[in-house]
PDB file of all heavy atoms in Angstrom:
ATOM      1  N   GLY A   1      67.923  60.723 115.436  1.00  0.00           N
ATOM      2  CA  GLY A   1      68.861  59.696 115.109  1.00  0.00           C
ATOM      3  C   GLY A   1      68.455  58.390 115.759  1.00  0.00           C
ATOM      4  O   GLY A   1      67.388  58.253 116.311  1.00  0.00           O
ATOM      5  N   LEU A   2      69.420  57.439 115.606  1.00  0.00           N
ATOM      6  CA  LEU A   2      69.216  56.067 116.161  1.00  0.00           C
ATOM      7  C   LEU A   2      70.036  55.878 117.437  1.00  0.00           C
ATOM      8  O   LEU A   2      71.219  56.222 117.446  1.00  0.00           O
ATOM      9  CB  LEU A   2      69.650  55.076 115.144  1.00  0.00           C
ATOM     10  CG  LEU A   2      69.746  53.577 115.503  1.00  0.00           C
ATOM     11  CD1 LEU A   2      68.325  53.106 115.880  1.00  0.00           C
ATOM     12  CD2 LEU A   2      70.301  52.749 114.438  1.00  0.00           C
ATOM     13  N   VAL A   3      69.432  55.428 118.448  1.00  0.00           N
ATOM     14  CA  VAL A   3      70.051  55.253 119.745  1.00  0.00           C
ATOM     15  C   VAL A   3      69.508  53.997 120.416  1.00  0.00           C
ATOM     16  O   VAL A   3      68.438  53.551 120.165  1.00  0.00           O
ATOM     17  CB  VAL A   3      69.797  56.499 120.567  1.00  0.00           C
ATOM     18  CG1 VAL A   3      68.331  56.572 121.007  1.00  0.00           C
ATOM     19  CG2 VAL A   3      70.663  56.475 121.824  1.00  0.00           C
ATOM     20  N   GLU A   4      70.367  53.388 121.217  1.00  0.00           N
ATOM     21  CA  GLU A   4      69.959  52.171 121.989  1.00  0.00           C
ATOM     22  C   GLU A   4      69.127  52.507 123.150  1.00  0.00           C
ATOM     23  O   GLU A   4      69.253  53.648 123.677  1.00  0.00           O
ATOM     24  CB  GLU A   4      71.127  51.350 122.368  1.00  0.00           C
ATOM     25  CG  GLU A   4      71.862  50.805 121.291  1.00  0.00           C
ATOM     26  CD  GLU A   4      73.031  49.867 121.753  1.00  0.00           C
ATOM     27  OE1 GLU A   4      73.373  49.954 122.941  1.00  0.00           O
ATOM     28  OE2 GLU A   4      73.702  49.196 120.902  1.00  0.00           O
ATOM     29  N   ALA A   5      68.267  51.693 123.626  1.00  0.00           N
ATOM     30  CA  ALA A   5      67.410  51.841 124.815  1.00  0.00           C
ATOM     31  C   ALA A   5      68.369  52.254 125.986  1.00  0.00           C
ATOM     32  O   ALA A   5      69.479  51.691 126.128  1.00  0.00           O
ATOM     33  CB  ALA A   5      66.673  50.713 125.141  1.00  0.00           C
ATOM     34  N   GLY A   6      67.944  53.264 126.751  1.00  0.00           N
ATOM     35  CA  GLY A   6      68.753  53.814 127.742  1.00  0.00           C
ATOM     36  C   GLY A   6      69.636  54.948 127.469  1.00  0.00           C
ATOM     37  O   GLY A   6      70.187  55.598 128.418  1.00  0.00           O
ATOM     38  N   GLY A   7      69.812  55.251 126.085  1.00  0.00           N
ATOM     39  CA  GLY A   7      70.577  56.242 125.612  1.00  0.00           C
ATOM     40  C   GLY A   7      69.872  57.622 125.695  1.00  0.00           C
ATOM     41  O   GLY A   7      68.809  57.721 126.184  1.00  0.00           O
ATOM     42  N   SER A   8      70.677  58.620 125.135  1.00  0.00           N
ATOM     43  CA  SER A   8      70.134  60.033 125.193  1.00  0.00           C
ATOM     44  C   SER A   8      70.339  60.660 123.808  1.00  0.00           C
ATOM     45  O   SER A   8      71.182  60.270 123.007  1.00  0.00           O
ATOM     46  CB  SER A   8      71.011  60.823 126.175  1.00  0.00           C
ATOM     47  OG  SER A   8      70.842  60.288 127.499  1.00  0.00           O
ATOM     48  N   LEU A   9      69.466  61.618 123.521  1.00  0.00           N
ATOM     49  CA  LEU A   9      69.561  62.452 122.392  1.00  0.00           C
ATOM     50  C   LEU A   9      69.105  63.885 122.793  1.00  0.00           C
ATOM     51  O   LEU A   9      68.253  64.020 123.741  1.00  0.00           O
ATOM     52  CB  LEU A   9      68.587  61.996 121.202  1.00  0.00           C
ATOM     53  CG  LEU A   9      69.076  60.811 120.451  1.00  0.00           C
ATOM     54  CD1 LEU A   9      67.901  60.339 119.503  1.00  0.00           C
ATOM     55  CD2 LEU A   9      70.314  61.035 119.656  1.00  0.00           C
ATOM     56  N   ARG A  10      69.587  64.861 122.110  1.00  0.00           N
ATOM     57  CA  ARG A  10      69.094  66.264 122.282  1.00  0.00           C
ATOM     58  C   ARG A  10      68.597  66.735 120.931  1.00  0.00           C
ATOM     59  O   ARG A  10      69.394  66.876 120.000  1.00  0.00           O
ATOM     60  CB  ARG A  10      70.203  67.147 122.887  1.00  0.00           C
ATOM     61  CG  ARG A  10      69.655  68.492 123.246  1.00  0.00           C
ATOM     62  CD  ARG A  10      70.632  69.376 123.976  1.00  0.00           C
ATOM     63  NE  ARG A  10      71.477  70.081 123.057  1.00  0.00           N
ATOM     64  CZ  ARG A  10      72.040  71.241 123.334  1.00  0.00           C
ATOM     65  NH1 ARG A  10      71.819  71.845 124.528  1.00  0.00           N
ATOM     66  NH2 ARG A  10      72.789  71.862 122.494  1.00  0.00           N
ATOM     67  N   LEU A  11      67.349  67.136 120.995  1.00  0.00           N
ATOM     68  CA  LEU A  11      66.765  67.747 119.767  1.00  0.00           C
ATOM     69  C   LEU A  11      66.842  69.246 119.889  1.00  0.00           C
ATOM     70  O   LEU A  11      66.784  69.840 121.014  1.00  0.00           O
ATOM     71  CB  LEU A  11      65.286  67.345 119.635  1.00  0.00           C
ATOM     72  CG  LEU A  11      65.026  65.818 119.581  1.00  0.00           C
ATOM     73  CD1 LEU A  11      63.579  65.615 119.333  1.00  0.00           C
ATOM     74  CD2 LEU A  11      65.897  65.166 118.567  1.00  0.00           C
ATOM     75  N   SER A  12      67.010  69.942 118.820  1.00  0.00           N
ATOM     76  CA  SER A  12      66.978  71.332 118.746  1.00  0.00           C
ATOM     77  C   SER A  12      65.861  71.942 117.804  1.00  0.00           C
ATOM     78  O   SER A  12      65.669  71.251 116.804  1.00  0.00           O
ATOM     79  CB  SER A  12      68.378  71.948 118.280  1.00  0.00           C
ATOM     80  OG  SER A  12      69.338  71.532 119.166  1.00  0.00           O
ATOM     81  N   CYS A  13      65.362  72.993 118.173  1.00  0.00           N
ATOM     82  CA  CYS A  13      64.344  73.634 117.286  1.00  0.00           C
ATOM     83  C   CYS A  13      64.804  75.150 117.140  1.00  0.00           C
ATOM     84  O   CYS A  13      64.770  75.871 118.087  1.00  0.00           O
ATOM     85  CB  CYS A  13      62.970  73.537 117.941  1.00  0.00           C
ATOM     86  SG  CYS A  13      61.690  74.507 117.037  1.00  0.00           S
ATOM     87  N   ALA A  14      65.165  75.460 115.957  1.00  0.00           N
ATOM     88  CA  ALA A  14      65.560  76.804 115.664  1.00  0.00           C
ATOM     89  C   ALA A  14      64.434  77.506 114.923  1.00  0.00           C
ATOM     90  O   ALA A  14      63.882  76.992 114.039  1.00  0.00           O
ATOM     91  CB  ALA A  14      66.801  76.795 114.808  1.00  0.00           C
ATOM     92  N   ALA A  15      64.082  78.685 115.451  1.00  0.00           N
ATOM     93  CA  ALA A  15      63.029  79.481 114.844  1.00  0.00           C
ATOM     94  C   ALA A  15      63.599  80.752 114.148  1.00  0.00           C
ATOM     95  O   ALA A  15      64.655  81.306 114.504  1.00  0.00           O
ATOM     96  CB  ALA A  15      61.978  79.981 115.855  1.00  0.00           C
ATOM     97  N   SER A  16      62.924  81.176 113.159  1.00  0.00           N
ATOM     98  CA  SER A  16      63.494  82.293 112.318  1.00  0.00           C
ATOM     99  C   SER A  16      63.382  83.542 113.086  1.00  0.00           C
ATOM    100  O   SER A  16      62.523  83.824 113.877  1.00  0.00           O
ATOM    101  CB  SER A  16      62.610  82.387 111.000  1.00  0.00           C
ATOM    102  OG  SER A  16      61.290  82.597 111.399  1.00  0.00           O
ATOM    103  N   GLY A  17      64.410  84.407 112.855  1.00  0.00           N
ATOM    104  CA  GLY A  17      64.406  85.780 113.485  1.00  0.00           C
ATOM    105  C   GLY A  17      64.158  85.831 114.914  1.00  0.00           C
ATOM    106  O   GLY A  17      64.821  85.023 115.755  1.00  0.00           O
ATOM    107  N   ARG A  18      63.267  86.552 115.331  1.00  0.00           N
ATOM    108  CA  ARG A  18      63.000  86.805 116.763  1.00  0.00           C
ATOM    109  C   ARG A  18      61.702  86.032 117.238  1.00  0.00           C
ATOM    110  O   ARG A  18      61.006  86.398 118.131  1.00  0.00           O
ATOM    111  CB  ARG A  18      62.835  88.274 117.161  1.00  0.00           C
ATOM    112  CG  ARG A  18      64.117  89.157 116.824  1.00  0.00           C
ATOM    113  CD  ARG A  18      63.920  90.479 117.134  1.00  0.00           C
ATOM    114  NE  ARG A  18      65.070  91.339 116.776  1.00  0.00           N
ATOM    115  CZ  ARG A  18      66.042  91.598 117.623  1.00  0.00           C
ATOM    116  NH1 ARG A  18      65.987  91.140 118.885  1.00  0.00           N
ATOM    117  NH2 ARG A  18      67.052  92.284 117.301  1.00  0.00           N
ATOM    118  N   THR A  19      61.423  85.070 116.399  1.00  0.00           N
ATOM    119  CA  THR A  19      60.087  84.318 116.700  1.00  0.00           C
ATOM    120  C   THR A  19      59.896  83.911 118.132  1.00  0.00           C
ATOM    121  O   THR A  19      58.792  84.044 118.726  1.00  0.00           O
ATOM    122  CB  THR A  19      59.996  83.145 115.734  1.00  0.00           C
ATOM    123  OG1 THR A  19      60.108  83.570 114.336  1.00  0.00           O
ATOM    124  CG2 THR A  19      58.702  82.423 115.964  1.00  0.00           C
ATOM    125  N   LEU A  20      60.944  83.337 118.756  1.00  0.00           N
ATOM    126  CA  LEU A  20      60.763  82.711 120.006  1.00  0.00           C
ATOM    127  C   LEU A  20      60.608  83.814 121.138  1.00  0.00           C
ATOM    128  O   LEU A  20      60.248  83.433 122.307  1.00  0.00           O
ATOM    129  CB  LEU A  20      61.991  81.870 120.386  1.00  0.00           C
ATOM    130  CG  LEU A  20      62.061  80.608 119.598  1.00  0.00           C
ATOM    131  CD1 LEU A  20      63.244  79.720 120.071  1.00  0.00           C
ATOM    132  CD2 LEU A  20      60.799  79.724 119.944  1.00  0.00           C
ATOM    133  N   SER A  21      60.885  85.079 120.845  1.00  0.00           N
ATOM    134  CA  SER A  21      60.695  86.107 121.833  1.00  0.00           C
ATOM    135  C   SER A  21      59.414  86.896 121.601  1.00  0.00           C
ATOM    136  O   SER A  21      59.274  88.040 122.153  1.00  0.00           O
ATOM    137  CB  SER A  21      61.915  87.085 121.746  1.00  0.00           C
ATOM    138  OG  SER A  21      61.955  87.721 120.539  1.00  0.00           O
ATOM    139  N   THR A  22      58.488  86.393 120.790  1.00  0.00           N
ATOM    140  CA  THR A  22      57.320  87.215 120.450  1.00  0.00           C
ATOM    141  C   THR A  22      56.032  86.466 120.887  1.00  0.00           C
ATOM    142  O   THR A  22      55.149  86.171 120.118  1.00  0.00           O
ATOM    143  CB  THR A  22      57.206  87.332 118.932  1.00  0.00           C
ATOM    144  OG1 THR A  22      57.283  86.056 118.244  1.00  0.00           O
ATOM    145  CG2 THR A  22      58.409  88.198 118.406  1.00  0.00           C
ATOM    146  N   ASN A  23      55.900  86.287 122.190  1.00  0.00           N
ATOM    147  CA  ASN A  23      54.698  85.792 122.826  1.00  0.00           C
ATOM    148  C   ASN A  23      54.133  84.534 122.234  1.00  0.00           C
ATOM    149  O   ASN A  23      52.929  84.420 121.976  1.00  0.00           O
ATOM    150  CB  ASN A  23      53.639  86.895 122.797  1.00  0.00           C
ATOM    151  CG  ASN A  23      54.059  88.058 123.638  1.00  0.00           C
ATOM    152  OD1 ASN A  23      55.202  88.202 124.008  1.00  0.00           O
ATOM    153  ND2 ASN A  23      53.116  88.976 123.782  1.00  0.00           N
ATOM    154  N   ARG A  24      55.041  83.516 121.964  1.00  0.00           N
ATOM    155  CA  ARG A  24      54.498  82.260 121.391  1.00  0.00           C
ATOM    156  C   ARG A  24      54.854  81.104 122.311  1.00  0.00           C
ATOM    157  O   ARG A  24      56.016  80.997 122.712  1.00  0.00           O
ATOM    158  CB  ARG A  24      55.092  82.036 120.060  1.00  0.00           C
ATOM    159  CG  ARG A  24      54.981  83.156 119.016  1.00  0.00           C
ATOM    160  CD  ARG A  24      55.641  82.790 117.787  1.00  0.00           C
ATOM    161  NE  ARG A  24      55.692  83.934 116.816  1.00  0.00           N
ATOM    162  CZ  ARG A  24      54.649  84.373 115.959  1.00  0.00           C
ATOM    163  NH1 ARG A  24      53.580  83.585 115.924  1.00  0.00           N
ATOM    164  NH2 ARG A  24      54.875  85.459 115.253  1.00  0.00           N
ATOM    165  N   ASP A  25      53.921  80.261 122.552  1.00  0.00           N
ATOM    166  CA  ASP A  25      54.226  79.017 123.280  1.00  0.00           C
ATOM    167  C   ASP A  25      54.977  78.037 122.202  1.00  0.00           C
ATOM    168  O   ASP A  25      54.697  78.150 121.025  1.00  0.00           O
ATOM    169  CB  ASP A  25      52.947  78.238 123.732  1.00  0.00           C
ATOM    170  CG  ASP A  25      52.279  79.031 124.791  1.00  0.00           C
ATOM    171  OD1 ASP A  25      52.889  79.861 125.430  1.00  0.00           O
ATOM    172  OD2 ASP A  25      51.087  78.724 125.070  1.00  0.00           O
ATOM    173  N   VAL A  26      55.848  77.292 122.805  1.00  0.00           N
ATOM    174  CA  VAL A  26      56.598  76.381 121.949  1.00  0.00           C
ATOM    175  C   VAL A  26      56.456  74.958 122.473  1.00  0.00           C
ATOM    176  O   VAL A  26      56.479  74.755 123.751  1.00  0.00           O
ATOM    177  CB  VAL A  26      58.150  76.683 121.876  1.00  0.00           C
ATOM    178  CG1 VAL A  26      58.947  75.759 121.130  1.00  0.00           C
ATOM    179  CG2 VAL A  26      58.379  78.155 121.481  1.00  0.00           C
ATOM    180  N   ALA A  27      56.210  74.011 121.682  1.00  0.00           N
ATOM    181  CA  ALA A  27      56.031  72.662 122.144  1.00  0.00           C
ATOM    182  C   ALA A  27      56.659  71.668 121.230  1.00  0.00           C
ATOM    183  O   ALA A  27      56.870  71.876 119.980  1.00  0.00           O
ATOM    184  CB  ALA A  27      54.524  72.375 122.227  1.00  0.00           C
ATOM    185  N   TRP A  28      56.975  70.451 121.821  1.00  0.00           N
ATOM    186  CA  TRP A  28      57.427  69.344 121.075  1.00  0.00           C
ATOM    187  C   TRP A  28      56.219  68.341 121.057  1.00  0.00           C
ATOM    188  O   TRP A  28      55.665  68.074 122.004  1.00  0.00           O
ATOM    189  CB  TRP A  28      58.636  68.687 121.686  1.00  0.00           C
ATOM    190  CG  TRP A  28      59.846  69.466 121.524  1.00  0.00           C
ATOM    191  CD1 TRP A  28      60.309  70.375 122.469  1.00  0.00           C
ATOM    192  CD2 TRP A  28      60.828  69.466 120.441  1.00  0.00           C
ATOM    193  NE1 TRP A  28      61.553  70.925 121.949  1.00  0.00           N
ATOM    194  CE2 TRP A  28      61.831  70.366 120.746  1.00  0.00           C
ATOM    195  CE3 TRP A  28      60.816  68.798 119.262  1.00  0.00           C
ATOM    196  CZ2 TRP A  28      62.901  70.600 119.860  1.00  0.00           C
ATOM    197  CZ3 TRP A  28      61.883  68.982 118.345  1.00  0.00           C
ATOM    198  CH2 TRP A  28      62.906  69.893 118.643  1.00  0.00           C
ATOM    199  N   PHE A  29      56.010  67.771 119.862  1.00  0.00           N
ATOM    200  CA  PHE A  29      55.049  66.731 119.646  1.00  0.00           C
ATOM    201  C   PHE A  29      55.791  65.518 119.003  1.00  0.00           C
ATOM    202  O   PHE A  29      56.856  65.692 118.440  1.00  0.00           O
ATOM    203  CB  PHE A  29      53.901  67.181 118.745  1.00  0.00           C
ATOM    204  CG  PHE A  29      53.030  68.188 119.332  1.00  0.00           C
ATOM    205  CD1 PHE A  29      53.355  69.573 119.350  1.00  0.00           C
ATOM    206  CD2 PHE A  29      51.795  67.823 119.971  1.00  0.00           C
ATOM    207  CE1 PHE A  29      52.557  70.517 119.898  1.00  0.00           C
ATOM    208  CE2 PHE A  29      50.959  68.799 120.540  1.00  0.00           C
ATOM    209  CZ  PHE A  29      51.379  70.133 120.526  1.00  0.00           C
ATOM    210  N   ARG A  30      55.137  64.413 119.073  1.00  0.00           N
ATOM    211  CA  ARG A  30      55.776  63.305 118.311  1.00  0.00           C
ATOM    212  C   ARG A  30      54.631  62.407 117.758  1.00  0.00           C
ATOM    213  O   ARG A  30      53.503  62.461 118.256  1.00  0.00           O
ATOM    214  CB  ARG A  30      56.587  62.385 119.331  1.00  0.00           C
ATOM    215  CG  ARG A  30      55.855  61.708 120.388  1.00  0.00           C
ATOM    216  CD  ARG A  30      56.859  61.040 121.341  1.00  0.00           C
ATOM    217  NE  ARG A  30      56.116  60.252 122.391  1.00  0.00           N
ATOM    218  CZ  ARG A  30      56.791  59.682 123.374  1.00  0.00           C
ATOM    219  NH1 ARG A  30      58.104  59.785 123.491  1.00  0.00           N
ATOM    220  NH2 ARG A  30      56.104  59.043 124.390  1.00  0.00           N
ATOM    221  N   GLN A  31      54.911  61.732 116.779  1.00  0.00           N
ATOM    222  CA  GLN A  31      54.018  60.729 116.104  1.00  0.00           C
ATOM    223  C   GLN A  31      54.721  59.471 115.815  1.00  0.00           C
ATOM    224  O   GLN A  31      55.485  59.300 114.940  1.00  0.00           O
ATOM    225  CB  GLN A  31      53.530  61.382 114.725  1.00  0.00           C
ATOM    226  CG  GLN A  31      52.419  60.713 114.135  1.00  0.00           C
ATOM    227  CD  GLN A  31      51.618  61.487 113.102  1.00  0.00           C
ATOM    228  OE1 GLN A  31      52.110  62.501 112.680  1.00  0.00           O
ATOM    229  NE2 GLN A  31      50.460  60.972 112.699  1.00  0.00           N
ATOM    230  N   PRO A  32      54.271  58.517 116.706  1.00  0.00           N
ATOM    231  CA  PRO A  32      54.836  57.166 116.525  1.00  0.00           C
ATOM    232  C   PRO A  32      54.211  56.486 115.267  1.00  0.00           C
ATOM    233  O   PRO A  32      53.161  56.952 114.795  1.00  0.00           O
ATOM    234  CB  PRO A  32      54.356  56.464 117.740  1.00  0.00           C
ATOM    235  CG  PRO A  32      54.002  57.440 118.743  1.00  0.00           C
ATOM    236  CD  PRO A  32      53.515  58.628 117.919  1.00  0.00           C
ATOM    237  N   PRO A  33      54.770  55.521 114.728  1.00  0.00           N
ATOM    238  CA  PRO A  33      54.223  54.825 113.482  1.00  0.00           C
ATOM    239  C   PRO A  33      52.868  54.338 113.730  1.00  0.00           C
ATOM    240  O   PRO A  33      52.569  53.663 114.675  1.00  0.00           O
ATOM    241  CB  PRO A  33      55.292  53.701 113.236  1.00  0.00           C
ATOM    242  CG  PRO A  33      56.523  54.069 114.008  1.00  0.00           C
ATOM    243  CD  PRO A  33      56.130  54.871 115.164  1.00  0.00           C
ATOM    244  N   GLY A  34      51.959  54.748 112.838  1.00  0.00           N
ATOM    245  CA  GLY A  34      50.536  54.288 112.912  1.00  0.00           C
ATOM    246  C   GLY A  34      49.700  54.888 113.966  1.00  0.00           C
ATOM    247  O   GLY A  34      48.581  54.471 114.184  1.00  0.00           O
ATOM    248  N   LYS A  35      50.302  55.940 114.695  1.00  0.00           N
ATOM    249  CA  LYS A  35      49.578  56.506 115.767  1.00  0.00           C
ATOM    250  C   LYS A  35      49.258  58.068 115.616  1.00  0.00           C
ATOM    251  O   LYS A  35      49.846  58.593 114.680  1.00  0.00           O
ATOM    252  CB  LYS A  35      50.235  56.277 117.094  1.00  0.00           C
ATOM    253  CG  LYS A  35      50.292  54.805 117.502  1.00  0.00           C
ATOM    254  CD  LYS A  35      50.999  54.651 118.768  1.00  0.00           C
ATOM    255  CE  LYS A  35      51.034  53.140 119.239  1.00  0.00           C
ATOM    256  NZ  LYS A  35      51.625  53.010 120.624  1.00  0.00           N
ATOM    257  N   GLU A  36      48.517  58.626 116.472  1.00  0.00           N
ATOM    258  CA  GLU A  36      48.182  60.015 116.370  1.00  0.00           C
ATOM    259  C   GLU A  36      49.397  60.849 116.893  1.00  0.00           C
ATOM    260  O   GLU A  36      50.086  60.294 117.679  1.00  0.00           O
ATOM    261  CB  GLU A  36      46.914  60.365 117.186  1.00  0.00           C
ATOM    262  CG  GLU A  36      45.693  59.713 116.621  1.00  0.00           C
ATOM    263  CD  GLU A  36      45.256  60.271 115.375  1.00  0.00           C
ATOM    264  OE1 GLU A  36      45.298  61.500 115.163  1.00  0.00           O
ATOM    265  OE2 GLU A  36      44.805  59.455 114.406  1.00  0.00           O
ATOM    266  N   ARG A  37      49.433  62.047 116.436  1.00  0.00           N
ATOM    267  CA  ARG A  37      50.496  63.024 116.937  1.00  0.00           C
ATOM    268  C   ARG A  37      50.145  63.317 118.410  1.00  0.00           C
ATOM    269  O   ARG A  37      48.897  63.501 118.756  1.00  0.00           O
ATOM    270  CB  ARG A  37      50.425  64.329 116.170  1.00  0.00           C
ATOM    271  CG  ARG A  37      51.613  65.133 116.359  1.00  0.00           C
ATOM    272  CD  ARG A  37      51.766  66.198 115.349  1.00  0.00           C
ATOM    273  NE  ARG A  37      52.043  65.574 113.960  1.00  0.00           N
ATOM    274  CZ  ARG A  37      52.295  66.291 112.842  1.00  0.00           C
ATOM    275  NH1 ARG A  37      52.371  67.649 113.051  1.00  0.00           N
ATOM    276  NH2 ARG A  37      52.413  65.771 111.712  1.00  0.00           N
ATOM    277  N   GLU A  38      51.095  63.317 119.321  1.00  0.00           N
ATOM    278  CA  GLU A  38      50.832  63.578 120.711  1.00  0.00           C
ATOM    279  C   GLU A  38      51.869  64.536 121.312  1.00  0.00           C
ATOM    280  O   GLU A  38      52.915  64.674 120.904  1.00  0.00           O
ATOM    281  CB  GLU A  38      50.962  62.237 121.475  1.00  0.00           C
ATOM    282  CG  GLU A  38      52.376  61.612 121.457  1.00  0.00           C
ATOM    283  CD  GLU A  38      52.371  60.235 122.096  1.00  0.00           C
ATOM    284  OE1 GLU A  38      51.347  59.619 122.344  1.00  0.00           O
ATOM    285  OE2 GLU A  38      53.507  59.741 122.372  1.00  0.00           O
ATOM    286  N   PHE A  39      51.375  65.227 122.352  1.00  0.00           N
ATOM    287  CA  PHE A  39      52.201  66.216 122.991  1.00  0.00           C
ATOM    288  C   PHE A  39      53.274  65.604 123.828  1.00  0.00           C
ATOM    289  O   PHE A  39      53.034  64.514 124.483  1.00  0.00           O
ATOM    290  CB  PHE A  39      51.276  67.059 123.987  1.00  0.00           C
ATOM    291  CG  PHE A  39      52.044  67.992 124.881  1.00  0.00           C
ATOM    292  CD1 PHE A  39      52.513  69.166 124.399  1.00  0.00           C
ATOM    293  CD2 PHE A  39      52.247  67.636 126.239  1.00  0.00           C
ATOM    294  CE1 PHE A  39      53.211  70.029 125.228  1.00  0.00           C
ATOM    295  CE2 PHE A  39      52.880  68.454 127.125  1.00  0.00           C
ATOM    296  CZ  PHE A  39      53.425  69.614 126.613  1.00  0.00           C
ATOM    297  N   VAL A  40      54.462  66.043 123.785  1.00  0.00           N
ATOM    298  CA  VAL A  40      55.590  65.597 124.568  1.00  0.00           C
ATOM    299  C   VAL A  40      55.986  66.597 125.637  1.00  0.00           C
ATOM    300  O   VAL A  40      56.025  66.244 126.777  1.00  0.00           O
ATOM    301  CB  VAL A  40      56.756  65.332 123.624  1.00  0.00           C
ATOM    302  CG1 VAL A  40      58.011  64.899 124.417  1.00  0.00           C
ATOM    303  CG2 VAL A  40      56.405  64.273 122.641  1.00  0.00           C
ATOM    304  N   ALA A  41      56.281  67.820 125.299  1.00  0.00           N
ATOM    305  CA  ALA A  41      56.767  68.849 126.227  1.00  0.00           C
ATOM    306  C   ALA A  41      56.688  70.159 125.604  1.00  0.00           C
ATOM    307  O   ALA A  41      56.643  70.278 124.409  1.00  0.00           O
ATOM    308  CB  ALA A  41      58.285  68.557 126.661  1.00  0.00           C
ATOM    309  N   GLY A  42      56.570  71.209 126.416  1.00  0.00           N
ATOM    310  CA  GLY A  42      56.571  72.584 125.953  1.00  0.00           C
ATOM    311  C   GLY A  42      56.844  73.629 126.891  1.00  0.00           C
ATOM    312  O   GLY A  42      57.041  73.322 128.100  1.00  0.00           O
ATOM    313  N   ILE A  43      56.969  74.894 126.412  1.00  0.00           N
ATOM    314  CA  ILE A  43      57.311  75.950 127.296  1.00  0.00           C
ATOM    315  C   ILE A  43      56.275  77.093 126.998  1.00  0.00           C
ATOM    316  O   ILE A  43      56.029  77.468 125.889  1.00  0.00           O
ATOM    317  CB  ILE A  43      58.693  76.452 127.130  1.00  0.00           C
ATOM    318  CG1 ILE A  43      59.631  75.377 127.445  1.00  0.00           C
ATOM    319  CG2 ILE A  43      58.947  77.770 127.887  1.00  0.00           C
ATOM    320  CD1 ILE A  43      61.147  75.806 127.360  1.00  0.00           C
ATOM    321  N   SER A  44      55.738  77.661 128.100  1.00  0.00           N
ATOM    322  CA  SER A  44      54.819  78.730 128.005  1.00  0.00           C
ATOM    323  C   SER A  44      55.541  79.976 127.813  1.00  0.00           C
ATOM    324  O   SER A  44      56.576  80.289 128.404  1.00  0.00           O
ATOM    325  CB  SER A  44      53.936  78.821 129.351  1.00  0.00           C
ATOM    326  OG  SER A  44      53.434  80.144 129.415  1.00  0.00           O
TER     327      SER A  44
END
């Protein structure tokens, strides 16, 4: 969404079925306008 500087947001990622419990790393990436996709955060 849209937020002012200094504000907060919480993103959610829902995976189908039991996907998150099946030996998979999960990560958040982002792609700013005109730039390459970059790693943000993840869980092993």
